[in-house]
Amino acid sequence: MAKEKKSSDKEDKSKKKNTSLRLDSKTLKALKLRAIEEETSVQRIIETLVEDYLKKT
C-alpha cells in the first residue's frame, strides 16, 4: 500500500539540493538498519541530525 504524498512533500523536494558524503561501510549499514527499524530514511535521519546541530550553534 503506497503512502499518500502531500503537496507540501513535492514542494519540499523541489527546494532540496543533492550532496554526498562518505561513511564507513559498518556505519552506513547500521544507519540503514536503524532507518528501516524506525520506518524512515537515511536521508531524513541525517537531515534531522544536521538541523538539530545547526540549531545548537
N, C-alpha and C. Protein backbone atom coordinates (compact mmCIF):
# COMPACT_ATOMS: atom_id res chain seq x y z
N MET A 1 0.84 -1.18 0.00
CA MET A 1 0.00 0.00 0.00
C MET A 1 0.89 1.24 0.00
N ALA A 2 0.80 2.05 -1.01
CA ALA A 2 1.65 3.24 -1.13
C ALA A 2 1.15 4.34 -0.22
N LYS A 3 2.12 5.08 0.33
CA LYS A 3 1.77 6.21 1.18
C LYS A 3 1.30 7.37 0.32
N GLU A 4 0.32 8.09 0.83
CA GLU A 4 -0.13 9.29 0.13
C GLU A 4 0.89 10.40 0.36
N LYS A 5 1.19 11.13 -0.69
CA LYS A 5 2.12 12.24 -0.57
C LYS A 5 1.34 13.54 -0.55
N LYS A 6 1.71 14.38 0.37
CA LYS A 6 1.08 15.69 0.45
C LYS A 6 1.70 16.60 -0.61
N SER A 7 0.96 17.63 -0.99
CA SER A 7 1.52 18.56 -1.96
C SER A 7 2.76 19.25 -1.40
N SER A 8 2.82 19.44 -0.07
CA SER A 8 3.99 20.08 0.54
C SER A 8 5.22 19.20 0.39
N ASP A 9 5.05 17.87 0.34
CA ASP A 9 6.18 16.97 0.13
C ASP A 9 6.83 17.26 -1.22
N LYS A 10 6.01 17.46 -2.24
CA LYS A 10 6.54 17.76 -3.57
C LYS A 10 7.24 19.11 -3.58
N GLU A 11 6.68 20.08 -2.89
CA GLU A 11 7.30 21.40 -2.82
C GLU A 11 8.64 21.32 -2.11
N ASP A 12 8.72 20.55 -1.01
CA ASP A 12 9.97 20.41 -0.28
C ASP A 12 11.05 19.80 -1.15
N LYS A 13 10.69 18.79 -1.93
CA LYS A 13 11.67 18.12 -2.79
C LYS A 13 12.23 19.08 -3.83
N SER A 14 11.41 19.97 -4.33
CA SER A 14 11.89 20.89 -5.35
C SER A 14 12.87 21.90 -4.78
N LYS A 15 12.85 22.12 -3.48
CA LYS A 15 13.75 23.07 -2.83
C LYS A 15 15.06 22.42 -2.40
N LYS A 16 15.12 21.12 -2.41
CA LYS A 16 16.29 20.41 -1.89
C LYS A 16 17.37 20.28 -2.96
N LYS A 17 18.61 20.23 -2.49
CA LYS A 17 19.77 20.06 -3.36
C LYS A 17 20.49 18.79 -2.95
N ASN A 18 21.20 18.20 -3.88
CA ASN A 18 21.95 16.98 -3.62
C ASN A 18 23.32 17.27 -3.04
N THR A 19 23.78 16.35 -2.22
CA THR A 19 25.15 16.36 -1.72
C THR A 19 25.56 14.91 -1.53
N SER A 20 26.78 14.68 -1.23
CA SER A 20 27.20 13.31 -0.97
C SER A 20 28.15 13.30 0.21
N LEU A 21 28.24 12.18 0.85
CA LEU A 21 29.19 12.02 1.93
C LEU A 21 29.67 10.58 1.94
N ARG A 22 30.82 10.39 2.53
CA ARG A 22 31.41 9.06 2.59
C ARG A 22 31.37 8.59 4.03
N LEU A 23 30.83 7.40 4.23
CA LEU A 23 30.75 6.82 5.56
C LEU A 23 31.41 5.45 5.55
N ASP A 24 31.96 5.07 6.67
CA ASP A 24 32.48 3.73 6.84
C ASP A 24 31.35 2.74 6.55
N SER A 25 31.66 1.64 5.90
CA SER A 25 30.61 0.70 5.50
C SER A 25 29.81 0.17 6.69
N LYS A 26 30.45 -0.05 7.83
CA LYS A 26 29.73 -0.52 9.02
C LYS A 26 28.76 0.55 9.52
N THR A 27 29.20 1.80 9.47
CA THR A 27 28.35 2.90 9.91
C THR A 27 27.13 3.04 9.01
N LEU A 28 27.36 2.98 7.72
CA LEU A 28 26.25 3.10 6.77
C LEU A 28 25.27 1.95 6.92
N LYS A 29 25.77 0.74 7.11
CA LYS A 29 24.89 -0.41 7.29
C LYS A 29 24.04 -0.24 8.54
N ALA A 30 24.65 0.20 9.63
CA ALA A 30 23.91 0.41 10.88
C ALA A 30 22.88 1.51 10.70
N LEU A 31 23.22 2.55 9.96
CA LEU A 31 22.30 3.65 9.71
C LEU A 31 21.11 3.19 8.88
N LYS A 32 21.36 2.39 7.87
CA LYS A 32 20.28 1.85 7.04
C LYS A 32 19.35 0.95 7.85
N LEU A 33 19.94 0.12 8.71
CA LEU A 33 19.13 -0.76 9.54
C LEU A 33 18.26 0.05 10.51
N ARG A 34 18.84 1.09 11.09
CA ARG A 34 18.08 1.95 12.01
C ARG A 34 16.95 2.63 11.27
N ALA A 35 17.21 3.08 10.06
CA ALA A 35 16.16 3.73 9.26
C ALA A 35 15.01 2.76 9.01
N ILE A 36 15.32 1.53 8.69
CA ILE A 36 14.29 0.52 8.48
C ILE A 36 13.50 0.29 9.76
N GLU A 37 14.20 0.16 10.88
CA GLU A 37 13.54 -0.07 12.17
C GLU A 37 12.60 1.08 12.52
N GLU A 38 13.00 2.30 12.19
CA GLU A 38 12.23 3.49 12.55
C GLU A 38 11.26 3.90 11.43
N GLU A 39 11.19 3.08 10.39
CA GLU A 39 10.32 3.36 9.24
C GLU A 39 10.53 4.76 8.69
N THR A 40 11.78 5.09 8.46
CA THR A 40 12.15 6.38 7.89
C THR A 40 13.25 6.14 6.87
N SER A 41 13.95 7.18 6.48
CA SER A 41 15.04 7.04 5.50
C SER A 41 16.34 7.56 6.08
N VAL A 42 17.43 7.11 5.50
CA VAL A 42 18.74 7.60 5.89
C VAL A 42 18.78 9.11 5.68
N GLN A 43 18.23 9.56 4.57
CA GLN A 43 18.21 10.99 4.27
C GLN A 43 17.53 11.77 5.39
N ARG A 44 16.38 11.30 5.84
CA ARG A 44 15.63 12.02 6.87
C ARG A 44 16.38 12.01 8.19
N ILE A 45 17.04 10.91 8.54
CA ILE A 45 17.82 10.85 9.77
C ILE A 45 18.94 11.88 9.72
N ILE A 46 19.68 11.89 8.63
CA ILE A 46 20.80 12.82 8.50
C ILE A 46 20.32 14.26 8.49
N GLU A 47 19.23 14.51 7.77
CA GLU A 47 18.68 15.86 7.71
C GLU A 47 18.28 16.35 9.12
N THR A 48 17.65 15.49 9.89
CA THR A 48 17.25 15.85 11.25
C THR A 48 18.47 16.12 12.13
N LEU A 49 19.49 15.29 12.01
CA LEU A 49 20.71 15.49 12.79
C LEU A 49 21.38 16.83 12.45
N VAL A 50 21.45 17.14 11.17
CA VAL A 50 22.07 18.40 10.73
C VAL A 50 21.25 19.59 11.22
N GLU A 51 19.93 19.51 11.10
CA GLU A 51 19.08 20.61 11.55
C GLU A 51 19.25 20.84 13.05
N ASP A 52 19.30 19.75 13.83
CA ASP A 52 19.49 19.87 15.28
C ASP A 52 20.85 20.49 15.59
N TYR A 53 21.86 20.07 14.87
CA TYR A 53 23.21 20.62 15.05
C TYR A 53 23.22 22.12 14.77
N LEU A 54 22.60 22.52 13.69
CA LEU A 54 22.59 23.94 13.32
C LEU A 54 21.82 24.79 14.32
N LYS A 55 20.82 24.24 14.94
CA LYS A 55 20.04 24.97 15.96
C LYS A 55 20.90 25.23 17.19
N LYS A 56 21.84 24.34 17.49
CA LYS A 56 22.68 24.48 18.68
C LYS A 56 23.75 25.53 18.52
N THR A 57 24.19 25.77 17.30
CA THR A 57 25.32 26.69 17.12
C THR A 57 24.87 28.08 16.74
